[in-house]
Amino acid sequence: MRSRRPRISFHGAAIFTDLGTDVRQPIARIEADPFIVRGDRVRGFVFDVATGRLCETL
C-alpha cells in the first residue's frame, strides 16, 4: 500500500504581524477550556529563526 502525502495549501494562510498576540490568544482559549485542570500552567513560546532563541510569551 502506497502512502499519500497530505496536500498542503497556503491559500488563506495566516500572516503573523504580532507574534506575542498570536501566541497569547490560543493560550487564553486553552486556559478557558473546561477540560484543562485549573491551576495547570499553560505556556507559549516564540522561536526566533534568525538568532535561534526561544522566548517565552507572557
PDB file of N, CA and C in Angstrom:
ATOM      1  N   MET A   1       0.842  -1.178   0.000  1.00  0.00           N
ATOM      2  CA  MET A   1       0.000   0.000   0.000  1.00  0.00           C
ATOM      3  C   MET A   1       0.889   1.244   0.000  1.00  0.00           C
ATOM      4  N   ARG A   2       0.644   2.102  -0.902  1.00  0.00           N
ATOM      5  CA  ARG A   2       1.449   3.310  -1.055  1.00  0.00           C
ATOM      6  C   ARG A   2       0.873   4.440  -0.203  1.00  0.00           C
ATOM      7  N   SER A   3       1.735   5.066   0.609  1.00  0.00           N
ATOM      8  CA  SER A   3       1.259   6.175   1.446  1.00  0.00           C
ATOM      9  C   SER A   3       1.161   7.443   0.604  1.00  0.00           C
ATOM     10  N   ARG A   4       0.192   8.256   0.934  1.00  0.00           N
ATOM     11  CA  ARG A   4      -0.004   9.512   0.219  1.00  0.00           C
ATOM     12  C   ARG A   4       0.311  10.670   1.159  1.00  0.00           C
ATOM     13  N   ARG A   5       1.051  11.607   0.646  1.00  0.00           N
ATOM     14  CA  ARG A   5       1.346  12.797   1.435  1.00  0.00           C
ATOM     15  C   ARG A   5       0.135  13.717   1.415  1.00  0.00           C
ATOM     16  N   PRO A   6      -0.116  14.371   2.553  1.00  0.00           N
ATOM     17  CA  PRO A   6      -1.229  15.328   2.554  1.00  0.00           C
ATOM     18  C   PRO A   6      -0.900  16.522   1.664  1.00  0.00           C
ATOM     19  N   ARG A   7      -1.899  17.026   1.024  1.00  0.00           N
ATOM     20  CA  ARG A   7      -1.710  18.195   0.171  1.00  0.00           C
ATOM     21  C   ARG A   7      -1.698  19.439   1.048  1.00  0.00           C
ATOM     22  N   ILE A   8      -0.686  20.253   0.887  1.00  0.00           N
ATOM     23  CA  ILE A   8      -0.540  21.465   1.688  1.00  0.00           C
ATOM     24  C   ILE A   8      -0.990  22.659   0.860  1.00  0.00           C
ATOM     25  N   SER A   9      -1.866  23.437   1.440  1.00  0.00           N
ATOM     26  CA  SER A   9      -2.357  24.625   0.758  1.00  0.00           C
ATOM     27  C   SER A   9      -2.000  25.854   1.578  1.00  0.00           C
ATOM     28  N   PHE A  10      -1.417  26.832   0.946  1.00  0.00           N
ATOM     29  CA  PHE A  10      -1.085  28.072   1.629  1.00  0.00           C
ATOM     30  C   PHE A  10      -2.125  29.152   1.371  1.00  0.00           C
ATOM     31  N   HIS A  11      -3.173  28.789   0.647  1.00  0.00           N
ATOM     32  CA  HIS A  11      -4.257  29.733   0.394  1.00  0.00           C
ATOM     33  C   HIS A  11      -4.955  30.038   1.717  1.00  0.00           C
ATOM     34  N   GLY A  12      -5.017  31.292   2.071  1.00  0.00           N
ATOM     35  CA  GLY A  12      -5.653  31.674   3.330  1.00  0.00           C
ATOM     36  C   GLY A  12      -4.755  31.466   4.537  1.00  0.00           C
ATOM     37  N   ALA A  13      -3.465  31.276   4.308  1.00  0.00           N
ATOM     38  CA  ALA A  13      -2.537  31.084   5.419  1.00  0.00           C
ATOM     39  C   ALA A  13      -2.465  32.348   6.269  1.00  0.00           C
ATOM     40  N   ALA A  14      -2.281  32.145   7.550  1.00  0.00           N
ATOM     41  CA  ALA A  14      -2.216  33.268   8.484  1.00  0.00           C
ATOM     42  C   ALA A  14      -0.896  34.010   8.338  1.00  0.00           C
ATOM     43  N   ILE A  15      -0.963  35.297   8.473  1.00  0.00           N
ATOM     44  CA  ILE A  15       0.234  36.132   8.493  1.00  0.00           C
ATOM     45  C   ILE A  15       0.361  36.655   9.916  1.00  0.00           C
ATOM     46  N   PHE A  16       1.496  36.411  10.535  1.00  0.00           N
ATOM     47  CA  PHE A  16       1.695  36.792  11.920  1.00  0.00           C
ATOM     48  C   PHE A  16       2.307  38.188  11.973  1.00  0.00           C
ATOM     49  N   THR A  17       1.502  39.161  12.376  1.00  0.00           N
ATOM     50  CA  THR A  17       2.006  40.522  12.468  1.00  0.00           C
ATOM     51  C   THR A  17       2.491  40.844  13.872  1.00  0.00           C
ATOM     52  N   ASP A  18       1.908  40.198  14.884  1.00  0.00           N
ATOM     53  CA  ASP A  18       2.311  40.392  16.280  1.00  0.00           C
ATOM     54  C   ASP A  18       2.419  39.016  16.916  1.00  0.00           C
ATOM     55  N   LEU A  19       3.634  38.495  16.984  1.00  0.00           N
ATOM     56  CA  LEU A  19       3.822  37.123  17.452  1.00  0.00           C
ATOM     57  C   LEU A  19       3.331  36.913  18.874  1.00  0.00           C
ATOM     58  N   GLY A  20       3.546  37.893  19.747  1.00  0.00           N
ATOM     59  CA  GLY A  20       3.095  37.760  21.127  1.00  0.00           C
ATOM     60  C   GLY A  20       1.591  37.563  21.220  1.00  0.00           C
ATOM     61  N   THR A  21       0.844  38.373  20.494  1.00  0.00           N
ATOM     62  CA  THR A  21      -0.616  38.253  20.482  1.00  0.00           C
ATOM     63  C   THR A  21      -1.035  36.939  19.855  1.00  0.00           C
ATOM     64  N   ASP A  22      -0.362  36.533  18.796  1.00  0.00           N
ATOM     65  CA  ASP A  22      -0.713  35.294  18.114  1.00  0.00           C
ATOM     66  C   ASP A  22      -0.450  34.067  18.974  1.00  0.00           C
ATOM     67  N   VAL A  23       0.401  34.180  19.971  1.00  0.00           N
ATOM     68  CA  VAL A  23       0.628  33.083  20.912  1.00  0.00           C
ATOM     69  C   VAL A  23      -0.322  33.199  22.108  1.00  0.00           C
ATOM     70  N   ARG A  24      -0.556  34.414  22.595  1.00  0.00           N
ATOM     71  CA  ARG A  24      -1.422  34.605  23.769  1.00  0.00           C
ATOM     72  C   ARG A  24      -2.882  34.218  23.516  1.00  0.00           C
ATOM     73  N   GLN A  25      -3.386  34.456  22.311  1.00  0.00           N
ATOM     74  CA  GLN A  25      -4.785  34.136  22.019  1.00  0.00           C
ATOM     75  C   GLN A  25      -5.091  32.644  22.166  1.00  0.00           C
ATOM     76  N   PRO A  26      -4.313  31.741  21.581  1.00  0.00           N
ATOM     77  CA  PRO A  26      -4.603  30.324  21.794  1.00  0.00           C
ATOM     78  C   PRO A  26      -4.375  29.876  23.240  1.00  0.00           C
ATOM     79  N   ILE A  27      -3.426  30.523  23.929  1.00  0.00           N
ATOM     80  CA  ILE A  27      -3.219  30.199  25.343  1.00  0.00           C
ATOM     81  C   ILE A  27      -4.488  30.504  26.125  1.00  0.00           C
ATOM     82  N   ALA A  28      -5.096  31.655  25.852  1.00  0.00           N
ATOM     83  CA  ALA A  28      -6.343  32.030  26.536  1.00  0.00           C
ATOM     84  C   ALA A  28      -7.451  31.023  26.235  1.00  0.00           C
ATOM     85  N   ARG A  29      -7.540  30.547  24.986  1.00  0.00           N
ATOM     86  CA  ARG A  29      -8.559  29.548  24.642  1.00  0.00           C
ATOM     87  C   ARG A  29      -8.310  28.237  25.379  1.00  0.00           C
ATOM     88  N   ILE A  30      -7.049  27.837  25.480  1.00  0.00           N
ATOM     89  CA  ILE A  30      -6.716  26.595  26.180  1.00  0.00           C
ATOM     90  C   ILE A  30      -7.040  26.728  27.663  1.00  0.00           C
ATOM     91  N   GLU A  31      -6.672  27.847  28.255  1.00  0.00           N
ATOM     92  CA  GLU A  31      -6.934  28.059  29.682  1.00  0.00           C
ATOM     93  C   GLU A  31      -8.436  28.106  29.980  1.00  0.00           C
ATOM     94  N   ALA A  32      -9.238  28.550  29.021  1.00  0.00           N
ATOM     95  CA  ALA A  32     -10.689  28.626  29.221  1.00  0.00           C
ATOM     96  C   ALA A  32     -11.377  27.278  28.994  1.00  0.00           C
ATOM     97  N   ASP A  33     -10.666  26.318  28.441  1.00  0.00           N
ATOM     98  CA  ASP A  33     -11.255  25.012  28.157  1.00  0.00           C
ATOM     99  C   ASP A  33     -11.611  24.300  29.453  1.00  0.00           C
ATOM    100  N   PRO A  34     -12.835  23.796  29.589  1.00  0.00           N
ATOM    101  CA  PRO A  34     -13.246  23.140  30.835  1.00  0.00           C
ATOM    102  C   PRO A  34     -12.508  21.830  31.114  1.00  0.00           C
ATOM    103  N   PHE A  35     -11.850  21.264  30.125  1.00  0.00           N
ATOM    104  CA  PHE A  35     -11.140  20.006  30.329  1.00  0.00           C
ATOM    105  C   PHE A  35      -9.707  20.214  30.826  1.00  0.00           C
ATOM    106  N   ILE A  36      -9.250  21.451  30.875  1.00  0.00           N
ATOM    107  CA  ILE A  36      -7.925  21.757  31.415  1.00  0.00           C
ATOM    108  C   ILE A  36      -8.079  21.964  32.920  1.00  0.00           C
ATOM    109  N   VAL A  37      -7.275  21.257  33.677  1.00  0.00           N
ATOM    110  CA  VAL A  37      -7.342  21.346  35.134  1.00  0.00           C
ATOM    111  C   VAL A  37      -6.937  22.744  35.578  1.00  0.00           C
ATOM    112  N   ARG A  38      -7.761  23.340  36.411  1.00  0.00           N
ATOM    113  CA  ARG A  38      -7.445  24.679  36.929  1.00  0.00           C
ATOM    114  C   ARG A  38      -6.160  24.608  37.736  1.00  0.00           C
ATOM    115  N   GLY A  39      -5.335  25.590  37.557  1.00  0.00           N
ATOM    116  CA  GLY A  39      -4.064  25.615  38.271  1.00  0.00           C
ATOM    117  C   GLY A  39      -2.911  25.102  37.424  1.00  0.00           C
ATOM    118  N   ASP A  40      -3.219  24.360  36.342  1.00  0.00           N
ATOM    119  CA  ASP A  40      -2.153  23.936  35.437  1.00  0.00           C
ATOM    120  C   ASP A  40      -1.655  25.149  34.680  1.00  0.00           C
ATOM    121  N   ARG A  41      -0.366  25.229  34.494  1.00  0.00           N
ATOM    122  CA  ARG A  41       0.210  26.386  33.808  1.00  0.00           C
ATOM    123  C   ARG A  41       0.316  26.096  32.313  1.00  0.00           C
ATOM    124  N   VAL A  42      -0.218  26.989  31.525  1.00  0.00           N
ATOM    125  CA  VAL A  42      -0.121  26.888  30.067  1.00  0.00           C
ATOM    126  C   VAL A  42       0.863  27.952  29.622  1.00  0.00           C
ATOM    127  N   ARG A  43       1.853  27.547  28.845  1.00  0.00           N
ATOM    128  CA  ARG A  43       2.895  28.475  28.431  1.00  0.00           C
ATOM    129  C   ARG A  43       3.004  28.502  26.916  1.00  0.00           C
ATOM    130  N   GLY A  44       3.475  29.619  26.390  1.00  0.00           N
ATOM    131  CA  GLY A  44       3.674  29.748  24.955  1.00  0.00           C
ATOM    132  C   GLY A  44       5.036  30.345  24.663  1.00  0.00           C
ATOM    133  N   PHE A  45       5.578  29.970  23.533  1.00  0.00           N
ATOM    134  CA  PHE A  45       6.920  30.410  23.168  1.00  0.00           C
ATOM    135  C   PHE A  45       6.964  30.843  21.717  1.00  0.00           C
ATOM    136  N   VAL A  46       7.911  31.722  21.410  1.00  0.00           N
ATOM    137  CA  VAL A  46       8.184  32.138  20.039  1.00  0.00           C
ATOM    138  C   VAL A  46       9.636  31.804  19.758  1.00  0.00           C
ATOM    139  N   PHE A  47       9.865  31.101  18.646  1.00  0.00           N
ATOM    140  CA  PHE A  47      11.217  30.748  18.239  1.00  0.00           C
ATOM    141  C   PHE A  47      11.697  31.750  17.203  1.00  0.00           C
ATOM    142  N   ASP A  48      12.824  32.393  17.488  1.00  0.00           N
ATOM    143  CA  ASP A  48      13.423  33.354  16.563  1.00  0.00           C
ATOM    144  C   ASP A  48      14.405  32.607  15.670  1.00  0.00           C
ATOM    145  N   VAL A  49      14.026  32.442  14.417  1.00  0.00           N
ATOM    146  CA  VAL A  49      14.838  31.678  13.484  1.00  0.00           C
ATOM    147  C   VAL A  49      16.202  32.323  13.268  1.00  0.00           C
ATOM    148  N   ALA A  50      16.253  33.644  13.245  1.00  0.00           N
ATOM    149  CA  ALA A  50      17.500  34.347  12.962  1.00  0.00           C
ATOM    150  C   ALA A  50      18.536  34.153  14.064  1.00  0.00           C
ATOM    151  N   THR A  51      18.087  34.144  15.332  1.00  0.00           N
ATOM    152  CA  THR A  51      19.041  34.058  16.447  1.00  0.00           C
ATOM    153  C   THR A  51      19.076  32.668  17.097  1.00  0.00           C
ATOM    154  N   GLY A  52      18.047  31.864  16.837  1.00  0.00           N
ATOM    155  CA  GLY A  52      17.976  30.554  17.476  1.00  0.00           C
ATOM    156  C   GLY A  52      17.453  30.626  18.901  1.00  0.00           C
ATOM    157  N   ARG A  53      16.958  31.778  19.310  1.00  0.00           N
ATOM    158  CA  ARG A  53      16.462  31.955  20.689  1.00  0.00           C
ATOM    159  C   ARG A  53      14.991  31.546  20.785  1.00  0.00           C
ATOM    160  N   LEU A  54      14.657  30.981  21.927  1.00  0.00           N
ATOM    161  CA  LEU A  54      13.288  30.624  22.246  1.00  0.00           C
ATOM    162  C   LEU A  54      12.852  31.544  23.369  1.00  0.00           C
ATOM    163  N   CYS A  55      11.833  32.377  23.090  1.00  0.00           N
ATOM    164  CA  CYS A  55      11.386  33.369  24.061  1.00  0.00           C
ATOM    165  C   CYS A  55       9.988  33.034  24.549  1.00  0.00           C
ATOM    166  N   GLU A  56       9.824  32.995  25.870  1.00  0.00           N
ATOM    167  CA  GLU A  56       8.502  32.737  26.429  1.00  0.00           C
ATOM    168  C   GLU A  56       7.637  33.970  26.245  1.00  0.00           C
ATOM    169  N   THR A  57       6.393  33.757  25.867  1.00  0.00           N
ATOM    170  CA  THR A  57       5.438  34.844  25.704  1.00  0.00           C
ATOM    171  C   THR A  57       4.629  34.962  26.972  1.00  0.00           C
ATOM    172  N   LEU A  58       4.669  36.140  27.572  1.00  0.00           N
ATOM    173  CA  LEU A  58       3.949  36.369  28.823  1.00  0.00           C
ATOM    174  C   LEU A  58       2.656  37.097  28.588  1.00  0.00           C
TER     175      LEU A  58
END
